[in-house]
Amino acid sequence: MSERIVMVASSYPRFAGDSVGSFMEPIAQGIAARGHEVHVLSCVDRQESSDGVENGVHVHRRGVRLRALERILPRPAVAERLRQAVTCFAECRRLREHFDVLEVPDWLAEGLLLRGTPMVAHLHTPIGQTTLGSGHPVTRTVRAADWLERMSVRHARLFTAPSRMLLEHLRHWLPEGADARVVPYPVDLHQWEDVPPVTEGAPVILCVGRLEPRKGPEVLVDAAAELPGAEIMFVGRGYKWMDGLPYREFLERRAEAAGVRCSLVEHVPRHELRALYTQARVVAVPSRYDNFPMVALEALTTGDR
């Protein structure tokens, strides 16, 4: 029996390194291929509104509302989540469709105001867990933002997580007796067929993902300083600040000081990602904390990288 499903994602990947939304592409397309009608709602700040069908999936991209909220509230992380929640609520209503199933992430509390449709909550890594895992202090702001994310999924009928580790870490976070299951992320193997052997690659270390403290890109820079002749290629957007600098600039200065050749690529269409993997000899995932990184799966499918 065909179902109508809406999946909420803070981003739906047009580019490599789009983080949370990266896993959704093969899942959404796989569900659509089984005959279901799949809609993805992607709300990103300053994103242009558009509606279209991409590989069988109805994709609705929207900007985030209430920009002034972050100037009013003293806690940016809380304001960010409230903006996402209000935007997702308003845009789901604007779709004017009846859906059988709604999937929402814990991240950014996007399901906080969504009710009435049976909900599946997908656990990525809430802000409290990523903060702990990165060794940073859990401030009042973090606790407030974490509470919003927790409340946004409390009424879900089913909880899914990509790894047993994450589910165990968040057991205290879920309602008593909650139905929680491990659903590993998928990879489209056909995309990675006929990849050249790793021995043909240059001494390049590839790191794909957002540039932020949790992903630990500076750890990789420091390690590469011990490997003469190695070069790092970072693919992903700068997301945070470090030592008073945008993360991208901080990383460039760190690499220069360490004598490490380093290139930073912000936006790469996902269909070009395969070529970057084939150019590298090693794929590194230096995250201080991660749940089930897609990058590691994609690297494994390319062979012995």
C-alpha atoms as a PDB file:
ATOM      1  CA  MET A   1       0.000   0.000   0.000  1.00  0.00           C
ATOM      2  CA  SER A   2       1.381   3.391  -1.020  1.00  0.00           C
ATOM      3  CA  GLU A   3       1.944   5.977   1.713  1.00  0.00           C
ATOM      4  CA  ARG A   4       2.452   9.734   1.582  1.00  0.00           C
ATOM      5  CA  ILE A   5       5.488  10.645   3.625  1.00  0.00           C
ATOM      6  CA  VAL A   6       7.055  13.975   4.513  1.00  0.00           C
ATOM      7  CA  MET A   7      10.643  14.039   5.770  1.00  0.00           C
ATOM      8  CA  VAL A   8      11.909  17.195   7.459  1.00  0.00           C
ATOM      9  CA  ALA A   9      15.594  18.032   7.041  1.00  0.00           C
ATOM     10  CA  SER A  10      17.572  21.154   7.833  1.00  0.00           C
ATOM     11  CA  SER A  11      19.202  20.624   4.442  1.00  0.00           C
ATOM     12  CA  TYR A  12      18.699  18.358   1.456  1.00  0.00           C
ATOM     13  CA  PRO A  13      22.039  17.855  -0.243  1.00  0.00           C
ATOM     14  CA  ARG A  14      22.826  19.801  -3.339  1.00  0.00           C
ATOM     15  CA  PHE A  15      26.453  19.840  -2.272  1.00  0.00           C
ATOM     16  CA  ALA A  16      28.883  17.527  -0.539  1.00  0.00           C
ATOM     17  CA  GLY A  17      29.464  18.273   3.121  1.00  0.00           C
ATOM     18  CA  ASP A  18      25.817  19.212   3.749  1.00  0.00           C
ATOM     19  CA  SER A  19      25.847  17.303   7.041  1.00  0.00           C
ATOM     20  CA  VAL A  20      22.469  16.231   8.449  1.00  0.00           C
ATOM     21  CA  GLY A  21      20.707  15.996   5.101  1.00  0.00           C
ATOM     22  CA  SER A  22      23.366  13.827   3.449  1.00  0.00           C
ATOM     23  CA  PHE A  23      21.912  10.528   4.595  1.00  0.00           C
ATOM     24  CA  MET A  24      18.411  11.472   3.472  1.00  0.00           C
ATOM     25  CA  GLU A  25      19.048  11.417  -0.264  1.00  0.00           C
ATOM     26  CA  PRO A  26      19.467   7.632  -0.683  1.00  0.00           C
ATOM     27  CA  ILE A  27      16.744   6.912   1.902  1.00  0.00           C
ATOM     28  CA  ALA A  28      14.180   9.251   0.340  1.00  0.00           C
ATOM     29  CA  GLN A  29      14.926   7.981  -3.159  1.00  0.00           C
ATOM     30  CA  GLY A  30      14.806   4.366  -1.984  1.00  0.00           C
ATOM     31  CA  ILE A  31      11.404   4.835  -0.342  1.00  0.00           C
ATOM     32  CA  ALA A  32      10.085   6.606  -3.436  1.00  0.00           C
ATOM     33  CA  ALA A  33      11.359   3.752  -5.615  1.00  0.00           C
ATOM     34  CA  ARG A  34       9.148   1.386  -3.605  1.00  0.00           C
ATOM     35  CA  GLY A  35       6.093   3.274  -4.807  1.00  0.00           C
ATOM     36  CA  HIS A  36       5.539   5.746  -1.974  1.00  0.00           C
ATOM     37  CA  GLU A  37       5.038   9.480  -2.432  1.00  0.00           C
ATOM     38  CA  VAL A  38       7.931  11.130  -0.594  1.00  0.00           C
ATOM     39  CA  HIS A  39       8.183  14.839   0.174  1.00  0.00           C
ATOM     40  CA  VAL A  40      11.277  16.441   1.727  1.00  0.00           C
ATOM     41  CA  LEU A  41      10.945  19.812   3.451  1.00  0.00           C
ATOM     42  CA  SER A  42      14.291  21.593   3.755  1.00  0.00           C
ATOM     43  CA  CYS A  43      14.396  24.874   5.696  1.00  0.00           C
ATOM     44  CA  VAL A  44      17.729  26.702   5.612  1.00  0.00           C
ATOM     45  CA  ASP A  45      18.431  30.326   6.476  1.00  0.00           C
ATOM     46  CA  ARG A  46      18.448  32.581   3.368  1.00  0.00           C
ATOM     47  CA  GLN A  47      17.652  29.664   1.075  1.00  0.00           C
ATOM     48  CA  GLU A  48      15.567  30.543  -1.966  1.00  0.00           C
ATOM     49  CA  SER A  49      12.133  28.934  -2.079  1.00  0.00           C
ATOM     50  CA  SER A  50      11.662  26.234  -4.694  1.00  0.00           C
ATOM     51  CA  ASP A  51       9.567  23.142  -5.370  1.00  0.00           C
ATOM     52  CA  GLY A  52      10.527  20.320  -7.668  1.00  0.00           C
ATOM     53  CA  VAL A  53      10.957  16.601  -8.154  1.00  0.00           C
ATOM     54  CA  GLU A  54      14.484  15.207  -7.868  1.00  0.00           C
ATOM     55  CA  ASN A  55      14.946  11.511  -8.705  1.00  0.00           C
ATOM     56  CA  GLY A  56      11.376  10.748  -7.759  1.00  0.00           C
ATOM     57  CA  VAL A  57      11.370  12.801  -4.532  1.00  0.00           C
ATOM     58  CA  HIS A  58       9.271  15.966  -4.098  1.00  0.00           C
ATOM     59  CA  VAL A  59      11.696  18.525  -2.646  1.00  0.00           C
ATOM     60  CA  HIS A  60      10.459  21.755  -1.038  1.00  0.00           C
ATOM     61  CA  ARG A  61      13.226  24.214  -0.154  1.00  0.00           C
ATOM     62  CA  ARG A  62      12.440  27.240   1.986  1.00  0.00           C
ATOM     63  CA  GLY A  63      14.226  29.979   3.882  1.00  0.00           C
ATOM     64  CA  VAL A  64      13.923  30.296   7.661  1.00  0.00           C
ATOM     65  CA  ARG A  65      11.538  32.880   9.113  1.00  0.00           C
ATOM     66  CA  LEU A  66      11.777  35.274  12.080  1.00  0.00           C
ATOM     67  CA  ARG A  67      15.317  36.534  11.550  1.00  0.00           C
ATOM     68  CA  ALA A  68      14.804  39.207  14.218  1.00  0.00           C
ATOM     69  CA  LEU A  69      14.330  36.509  16.867  1.00  0.00           C
ATOM     70  CA  GLU A  70      18.074  36.003  17.223  1.00  0.00           C
ATOM     71  CA  ARG A  71      18.480  39.706  18.017  1.00  0.00           C
ATOM     72  CA  ILE A  72      15.758  39.573  20.670  1.00  0.00           C
ATOM     73  CA  LEU A  73      16.708  36.394  22.501  1.00  0.00           C
ATOM     74  CA  PRO A  74      20.068  36.452  24.308  1.00  0.00           C
ATOM     75  CA  ARG A  75      20.746  32.776  23.512  1.00  0.00           C
ATOM     76  CA  PRO A  76      21.401  32.232  19.776  1.00  0.00           C
ATOM     77  CA  ALA A  77      21.162  28.424  19.960  1.00  0.00           C
ATOM     78  CA  VAL A  78      17.668  28.705  21.457  1.00  0.00           C
ATOM     79  CA  ALA A  79      16.556  31.332  18.951  1.00  0.00           C
ATOM     80  CA  GLU A  80      17.856  29.207  16.070  1.00  0.00           C
ATOM     81  CA  ARG A  81      15.737  26.242  17.164  1.00  0.00           C
ATOM     82  CA  LEU A  82      12.618  28.305  17.692  1.00  0.00           C
ATOM     83  CA  ARG A  83      13.002  29.799  14.225  1.00  0.00           C
ATOM     84  CA  GLN A  84      13.359  26.342  12.683  1.00  0.00           C
ATOM     85  CA  ALA A  85      10.327  25.031  14.587  1.00  0.00           C
ATOM     86  CA  VAL A  86       8.076  27.918  13.550  1.00  0.00           C
ATOM     87  CA  THR A  87       9.235  27.751   9.926  1.00  0.00           C
ATOM     88  CA  CYS A  88       8.683  23.990   9.642  1.00  0.00           C
ATOM     89  CA  PHE A  89       5.239  24.302  11.207  1.00  0.00           C
ATOM     90  CA  ALA A  90       4.210  27.086   8.807  1.00  0.00           C
ATOM     91  CA  GLU A  91       5.642  25.390   5.724  1.00  0.00           C
ATOM     92  CA  CYS A  92       4.067  22.023   6.523  1.00  0.00           C
ATOM     93  CA  ARG A  93       0.700  23.777   6.689  1.00  0.00           C
ATOM     94  CA  ARG A  94       1.376  25.566   3.423  1.00  0.00           C
ATOM     95  CA  LEU A  95       1.932  22.256   1.651  1.00  0.00           C
ATOM     96  CA  ARG A  96      -1.809  21.633   2.183  1.00  0.00           C
ATOM     97  CA  GLU A  97      -1.366  17.911   1.796  1.00  0.00           C
ATOM     98  CA  HIS A  98      -2.497  14.993   3.928  1.00  0.00           C
ATOM     99  CA  PHE A  99       0.463  12.858   4.926  1.00  0.00           C
ATOM    100  CA  ASP A 100       0.405   9.382   6.432  1.00  0.00           C
ATOM    101  CA  VAL A 101       3.819   9.609   8.113  1.00  0.00           C
ATOM    102  CA  LEU A 102       6.031  12.483   9.254  1.00  0.00           C
ATOM    103  CA  GLU A 103       9.745  12.007   9.926  1.00  0.00           C
ATOM    104  CA  VAL A 104      11.606  14.680  11.895  1.00  0.00           C
ATOM    105  CA  PRO A 105      15.144  14.954  13.264  1.00  0.00           C
ATOM    106  CA  ASP A 106      16.006  15.795  16.843  1.00  0.00           C
ATOM    107  CA  TRP A 107      18.576  18.311  15.599  1.00  0.00           C
ATOM    108  CA  LEU A 108      17.306  21.924  15.600  1.00  0.00           C
ATOM    109  CA  ALA A 109      13.939  20.927  17.150  1.00  0.00           C
ATOM    110  CA  GLU A 110      12.172  21.139  13.800  1.00  0.00           C
ATOM    111  CA  GLY A 111       9.273  18.938  14.927  1.00  0.00           C
ATOM    112  CA  LEU A 112       8.511  20.968  18.062  1.00  0.00           C
ATOM    113  CA  LEU A 113       5.172  22.334  16.792  1.00  0.00           C
ATOM    114  CA  LEU A 114       4.180  19.521  14.455  1.00  0.00           C
ATOM    115  CA  ARG A 115       1.226  17.419  15.616  1.00  0.00           C
ATOM    116  CA  GLY A 116      -1.591  15.325  14.227  1.00  0.00           C
ATOM    117  CA  THR A 117       0.381  13.030  11.877  1.00  0.00           C
ATOM    118  CA  PRO A 118       2.053   9.807  13.093  1.00  0.00           C
ATOM    119  CA  MET A 119       5.667  10.786  13.697  1.00  0.00           C
ATOM    120  CA  VAL A 120       8.978   8.973  13.391  1.00  0.00           C
ATOM    121  CA  ALA A 121      11.844  10.746  15.175  1.00  0.00           C
ATOM    122  CA  HIS A 122      15.310  10.223  13.749  1.00  0.00           C
ATOM    123  CA  LEU A 123      18.097  10.798  16.259  1.00  0.00           C
ATOM    124  CA  HIS A 124      21.216  12.390  14.798  1.00  0.00           C
ATOM    125  CA  THR A 125      23.045  13.871  17.761  1.00  0.00           C
ATOM    126  CA  PRO A 126      21.264  16.482  19.908  1.00  0.00           C
ATOM    127  CA  ILE A 127      23.254  19.528  20.936  1.00  0.00           C
ATOM    128  CA  GLY A 128      23.752  18.307  24.502  1.00  0.00           C
ATOM    129  CA  GLN A 129      25.361  15.071  23.323  1.00  0.00           C
ATOM    130  CA  THR A 130      27.586  16.731  20.729  1.00  0.00           C
ATOM    131  CA  THR A 131      28.743  19.252  23.327  1.00  0.00           C
ATOM    132  CA  LEU A 132      29.618  16.515  25.814  1.00  0.00           C
ATOM    133  CA  GLY A 133      31.273  14.428  23.123  1.00  0.00           C
ATOM    134  CA  SER A 134      33.418  17.366  22.040  1.00  0.00           C
ATOM    135  CA  GLY A 135      34.607  17.994  25.587  1.00  0.00           C
ATOM    136  CA  HIS A 136      32.994  21.425  25.828  1.00  0.00           C
ATOM    137  CA  PRO A 137      31.115  22.743  28.886  1.00  0.00           C
ATOM    138  CA  VAL A 138      27.351  22.265  28.907  1.00  0.00           C
ATOM    139  CA  THR A 139      26.116  25.807  29.518  1.00  0.00           C
ATOM    140  CA  ARG A 140      22.604  26.994  30.344  1.00  0.00           C
ATOM    141  CA  THR A 141      22.144  27.857  26.673  1.00  0.00           C
ATOM    142  CA  VAL A 142      23.119  24.344  25.622  1.00  0.00           C
ATOM    143  CA  ARG A 143      20.784  22.818  28.192  1.00  0.00           C
ATOM    144  CA  ALA A 144      17.894  25.009  27.007  1.00  0.00           C
ATOM    145  CA  ALA A 145      18.521  24.153  23.341  1.00  0.00           C
ATOM    146  CA  ASP A 146      18.851  20.463  24.217  1.00  0.00           C
ATOM    147  CA  TRP A 147      15.520  20.586  26.051  1.00  0.00           C
ATOM    148  CA  LEU A 148      13.809  22.043  22.969  1.00  0.00           C
ATOM    149  CA  GLU A 149      15.220  19.240  20.831  1.00  0.00           C
ATOM    150  CA  ARG A 150      14.077  16.648  23.357  1.00  0.00           C
ATOM    151  CA  MET A 151      10.563  18.088  23.504  1.00  0.00           C
ATOM    152  CA  SER A 152      10.355  18.152  19.712  1.00  0.00           C
ATOM    153  CA  VAL A 153      10.438  14.350  19.504  1.00  0.00           C
ATOM    154  CA  ARG A 154       8.790  13.294  22.786  1.00  0.00           C
ATOM    155  CA  HIS A 155       5.466  12.499  21.120  1.00  0.00           C
ATOM    156  CA  ALA A 156       6.966  10.341  18.336  1.00  0.00           C
ATOM    157  CA  ARG A 157       5.624   6.814  17.921  1.00  0.00           C
ATOM    158  CA  LEU A 158       8.968   5.418  16.790  1.00  0.00           C
ATOM    159  CA  PHE A 159      12.580   6.461  17.328  1.00  0.00           C
ATOM    160  CA  THR A 160      15.387   5.509  14.949  1.00  0.00           C
ATOM    161  CA  ALA A 161      19.138   6.012  15.270  1.00  0.00           C
ATOM    162  CA  PRO A 162      21.994   5.120  12.901  1.00  0.00           C
ATOM    163  CA  SER A 163      24.119   3.378  15.545  1.00  0.00           C
ATOM    164  CA  ARG A 164      23.742   1.352  18.730  1.00  0.00           C
ATOM    165  CA  MET A 165      26.235   3.671  20.434  1.00  0.00           C
ATOM    166  CA  LEU A 166      24.066   6.746  19.894  1.00  0.00           C
ATOM    167  CA  LEU A 167      20.928   4.952  21.020  1.00  0.00           C
ATOM    168  CA  GLU A 168      22.627   3.842  24.228  1.00  0.00           C
ATOM    169  CA  HIS A 169      23.858   7.375  24.891  1.00  0.00           C
ATOM    170  CA  LEU A 170      20.328   8.747  24.466  1.00  0.00           C
ATOM    171  CA  ARG A 171      18.289   6.112  26.322  1.00  0.00           C
ATOM    172  CA  HIS A 172      17.769   8.553  29.215  1.00  0.00           C
ATOM    173  CA  TRP A 173      16.555  11.108  26.669  1.00  0.00           C
ATOM    174  CA  LEU A 174      13.641   9.003  25.411  1.00  0.00           C
ATOM    175  CA  PRO A 175      10.212   8.415  26.985  1.00  0.00           C
ATOM    176  CA  GLU A 176       9.960   5.290  29.116  1.00  0.00           C
ATOM    177  CA  GLY A 177       9.113   2.254  26.996  1.00  0.00           C
ATOM    178  CA  ALA A 178       9.795   4.070  23.722  1.00  0.00           C
ATOM    179  CA  ASP A 179      10.079   1.951  20.576  1.00  0.00           C
ATOM    180  CA  ALA A 180      13.666   2.682  19.500  1.00  0.00           C
ATOM    181  CA  ARG A 181      15.492   0.908  16.692  1.00  0.00           C
ATOM    182  CA  VAL A 182      18.900   1.035  15.036  1.00  0.00           C
ATOM    183  CA  VAL A 183      18.628   1.716  11.295  1.00  0.00           C
ATOM    184  CA  PRO A 184      22.112   2.028   9.719  1.00  0.00           C
ATOM    185  CA  TYR A 185      22.519   4.552   6.932  1.00  0.00           C
ATOM    186  CA  PRO A 186      22.538   3.212   3.353  1.00  0.00           C
ATOM    187  CA  VAL A 187      24.960   3.919   0.518  1.00  0.00           C
ATOM    188  CA  ASP A 188      24.168   3.694  -3.187  1.00  0.00           C
ATOM    189  CA  LEU A 189      26.806   1.172  -4.263  1.00  0.00           C
ATOM    190  CA  HIS A 190      26.241   1.790  -7.976  1.00  0.00           C
ATOM    191  CA  GLN A 191      27.554   5.334  -7.530  1.00  0.00           C
ATOM    192  CA  TRP A 192      30.933   3.947  -6.481  1.00  0.00           C
ATOM    193  CA  GLU A 193      31.437   1.217  -9.063  1.00  0.00           C
ATOM    194  CA  ASP A 194      34.700   0.994 -11.022  1.00  0.00           C
ATOM    195  CA  VAL A 195      36.662   3.283  -8.687  1.00  0.00           C
ATOM    196  CA  PRO A 196      40.409   3.268  -9.530  1.00  0.00           C
ATOM    197  CA  PRO A 197      42.742   1.509  -7.040  1.00  0.00           C
ATOM    198  CA  VAL A 198      43.969   3.556  -4.094  1.00  0.00           C
ATOM    199  CA  THR A 199      47.576   3.109  -5.247  1.00  0.00           C
ATOM    200  CA  GLU A 200      46.850   5.396  -8.183  1.00  0.00           C
ATOM    201  CA  GLY A 201      45.916   8.283  -5.902  1.00  0.00           C
ATOM    202  CA  ALA A 202      48.219  11.130  -4.917  1.00  0.00           C
ATOM    203  CA  PRO A 203      49.356  11.529  -1.267  1.00  0.00           C
ATOM    204  CA  VAL A 204      46.169  13.440  -0.491  1.00  0.00           C
ATOM    205  CA  ILE A 205      44.100  13.087   2.672  1.00  0.00           C
ATOM    206  CA  LEU A 206      40.437  13.821   2.036  1.00  0.00           C
ATOM    207  CA  CYS A 207      38.148  15.111   4.786  1.00  0.00           C
ATOM    208  CA  VAL A 208      34.474  15.693   3.936  1.00  0.00           C
ATOM    209  CA  GLY A 209      32.124  17.519   6.302  1.00  0.00           C
ATOM    210  CA  ARG A 210      31.378  20.849   7.893  1.00  0.00           C
ATOM    211  CA  LEU A 211      34.291  22.757   9.398  1.00  0.00           C
ATOM    212  CA  GLU A 212      33.425  22.938  13.087  1.00  0.00           C
ATOM    213  CA  PRO A 213      34.986  21.906  16.433  1.00  0.00           C
ATOM    214  CA  ARG A 214      33.062  18.619  16.694  1.00  0.00           C
ATOM    215  CA  LYS A 215      34.486  17.401  13.377  1.00  0.00           C
ATOM    216  CA  GLY A 216      38.064  18.055  14.586  1.00  0.00           C
ATOM    217  CA  PRO A 217      39.653  19.302  11.326  1.00  0.00           C
ATOM    218  CA  GLU A 218      42.533  20.913  13.218  1.00  0.00           C
ATOM    219  CA  VAL A 219      43.357  17.492  14.696  1.00  0.00           C
ATOM    220  CA  LEU A 220      43.908  16.244  11.163  1.00  0.00           C
ATOM    221  CA  VAL A 221      46.106  19.245  10.351  1.00  0.00           C
ATOM    222  CA  ASP A 222      48.304  18.539  13.375  1.00  0.00           C
ATOM    223  CA  ALA A 223      48.564  14.854  12.446  1.00  0.00           C
ATOM    224  CA  ALA A 224      49.417  15.640   8.816  1.00  0.00           C
ATOM    225  CA  ALA A 225      52.350  17.763  10.020  1.00  0.00           C
ATOM    226  CA  GLU A 226      54.013  14.446  10.945  1.00  0.00           C
ATOM    227  CA  LEU A 227      53.625  13.118   7.377  1.00  0.00           C
ATOM    228  CA  PRO A 228      56.116  14.802   4.997  1.00  0.00           C
ATOM    229  CA  GLY A 229      54.635  15.486   1.581  1.00  0.00           C
ATOM    230  CA  ALA A 230      51.039  14.920   2.621  1.00  0.00           C
ATOM    231  CA  GLU A 231      48.307  17.282   1.481  1.00  0.00           C
ATOM    232  CA  ILE A 232      44.840  17.702   2.979  1.00  0.00           C
ATOM    233  CA  MET A 233      41.718  18.481   0.994  1.00  0.00           C
ATOM    234  CA  PHE A 234      38.805  19.700   3.123  1.00  0.00           C
ATOM    235  CA  VAL A 235      35.346  19.638   1.502  1.00  0.00           C
ATOM    236  CA  GLY A 236      32.606  21.431   3.414  1.00  0.00           C
ATOM    237  CA  ARG A 237      31.375  24.757   4.674  1.00  0.00           C
ATOM    238  CA  GLY A 238      32.824  26.646   7.614  1.00  0.00           C
ATOM    239  CA  TYR A 239      30.156  26.599  10.314  1.00  0.00           C
ATOM    240  CA  LYS A 240      31.638  27.976  13.524  1.00  0.00           C
ATOM    241  CA  TRP A 241      34.311  30.317  14.847  1.00  0.00           C
ATOM    242  CA  MET A 242      37.580  29.354  16.511  1.00  0.00           C
ATOM    243  CA  ASP A 243      39.990  31.650  18.386  1.00  0.00           C
ATOM    244  CA  GLY A 244      38.034  34.673  17.172  1.00  0.00           C
ATOM    245  CA  LEU A 245      38.259  33.676  13.498  1.00  0.00           C
ATOM    246  CA  PRO A 246      35.850  32.060  11.044  1.00  0.00           C
ATOM    247  CA  TYR A 247      36.680  28.366  11.152  1.00  0.00           C
ATOM    248  CA  ARG A 248      37.885  28.320   7.567  1.00  0.00           C
ATOM    249  CA  GLU A 249      40.387  31.119   8.188  1.00  0.00           C
ATOM    250  CA  PHE A 250      41.463  29.553  11.490  1.00  0.00           C
ATOM    251  CA  LEU A 251      42.177  26.276   9.705  1.00  0.00           C
ATOM    252  CA  GLU A 252      44.159  27.939   6.923  1.00  0.00           C
ATOM    253  CA  ARG A 253      46.371  29.712   9.475  1.00  0.00           C
ATOM    254  CA  ARG A 254      46.825  26.505  11.462  1.00  0.00           C
ATOM    255  CA  ALA A 255      47.916  24.612   8.360  1.00  0.00           C
ATOM    256  CA  GLU A 256      50.307  27.367   7.308  1.00  0.00           C
ATOM    257  CA  ALA A 257      51.903  27.444  10.763  1.00  0.00           C
ATOM    258  CA  ALA A 258      52.299  23.654  10.717  1.00  0.00           C
ATOM    259  CA  GLY A 259      53.757  23.651   7.205  1.00  0.00           C
ATOM    260  CA  VAL A 260      50.912  21.498   5.852  1.00  0.00           C
ATOM    261  CA  ARG A 261      49.655  21.888   2.315  1.00  0.00           C
ATOM    262  CA  CYS A 262      45.944  22.355   2.564  1.00  0.00           C
ATOM    263  CA  SER A 263      43.101  23.125   0.153  1.00  0.00           C
ATOM    264  CA  LEU A 264      39.576  24.022   1.243  1.00  0.00           C
ATOM    265  CA  VAL A 265      36.650  23.452  -1.078  1.00  0.00           C
ATOM    266  CA  GLU A 266      33.361  24.874   0.173  1.00  0.00           C
ATOM    267  CA  HIS A 267      30.778  23.676  -2.329  1.00  0.00           C
ATOM    268  CA  VAL A 268      31.002  20.568  -4.470  1.00  0.00           C
ATOM    269  CA  PRO A 269      27.924  19.116  -6.210  1.00  0.00           C
ATOM    270  CA  ARG A 270      27.327  15.640  -4.816  1.00  0.00           C
ATOM    271  CA  HIS A 271      27.719  14.009  -8.209  1.00  0.00           C
ATOM    272  CA  GLU A 272      31.342  15.276  -8.219  1.00  0.00           C
ATOM    273  CA  LEU A 273      32.152  13.766  -4.841  1.00  0.00           C
ATOM    274  CA  ARG A 274      33.114  10.396  -6.327  1.00  0.00           C
ATOM    275  CA  ALA A 275      35.934  12.002  -8.302  1.00  0.00           C
ATOM    276  CA  LEU A 276      37.363  13.574  -5.140  1.00  0.00           C
ATOM    277  CA  TYR A 277      37.446  10.222  -3.361  1.00  0.00           C
ATOM    278  CA  THR A 278      39.352   8.698  -6.261  1.00  0.00           C
ATOM    279  CA  GLN A 279      41.954  11.489  -6.084  1.00  0.00           C
ATOM    280  CA  ALA A 280      42.745  10.727  -2.440  1.00  0.00           C
ATOM    281  CA  ARG A 281      44.877   8.005  -0.950  1.00  0.00           C
ATOM    282  CA  VAL A 282      43.352   8.303   2.512  1.00  0.00           C
ATOM    283  CA  VAL A 283      39.942   9.446   3.750  1.00  0.00           C
ATOM    284  CA  ALA A 284      40.030  10.755   7.317  1.00  0.00           C
ATOM    285  CA  VAL A 285      37.187  11.174   9.814  1.00  0.00           C
ATOM    286  CA  PRO A 286      38.820  13.073  12.728  1.00  0.00           C
ATOM    287  CA  SER A 287      35.540  13.811  14.556  1.00  0.00           C
ATOM    288  CA  ARG A 288      35.708  14.169  18.311  1.00  0.00           C
ATOM    289  CA  TYR A 289      32.201  12.734  18.407  1.00  0.00           C
ATOM    290  CA  ASP A 290      30.067  11.359  15.598  1.00  0.00           C
ATOM    291  CA  ASN A 291      27.149   8.972  15.284  1.00  0.00           C
ATOM    292  CA  PHE A 292      27.515   7.014  12.021  1.00  0.00           C
ATOM    293  CA  PRO A 293      29.409   9.177   9.518  1.00  0.00           C
ATOM    294  CA  MET A 294      28.382   8.732   5.901  1.00  0.00           C
ATOM    295  CA  VAL A 295      31.896   9.691   4.838  1.00  0.00           C
ATOM    296  CA  ALA A 296      33.317   6.501   6.331  1.00  0.00           C
ATOM    297  CA  LEU A 297      30.765   4.377   4.465  1.00  0.00           C
ATOM    298  CA  GLU A 298      31.430   6.143   1.190  1.00  0.00           C
ATOM    299  CA  ALA A 299      35.185   5.708   1.645  1.00  0.00           C
ATOM    300  CA  LEU A 300      34.787   1.982   2.306  1.00  0.00           C
ATOM    301  CA  THR A 301      32.827   1.528  -0.912  1.00  0.00           C
ATOM    302  CA  THR A 302      35.710   2.998  -2.933  1.00  0.00           C
ATOM    303  CA  GLY A 303      38.011   0.146  -1.920  1.00  0.00           C
ATOM    304  CA  ASP A 304      40.842   0.113   0.613  1.00  0.00           C
ATOM    305  CA  ARG A 305      40.939   3.810   1.420  1.00  0.00           C
END
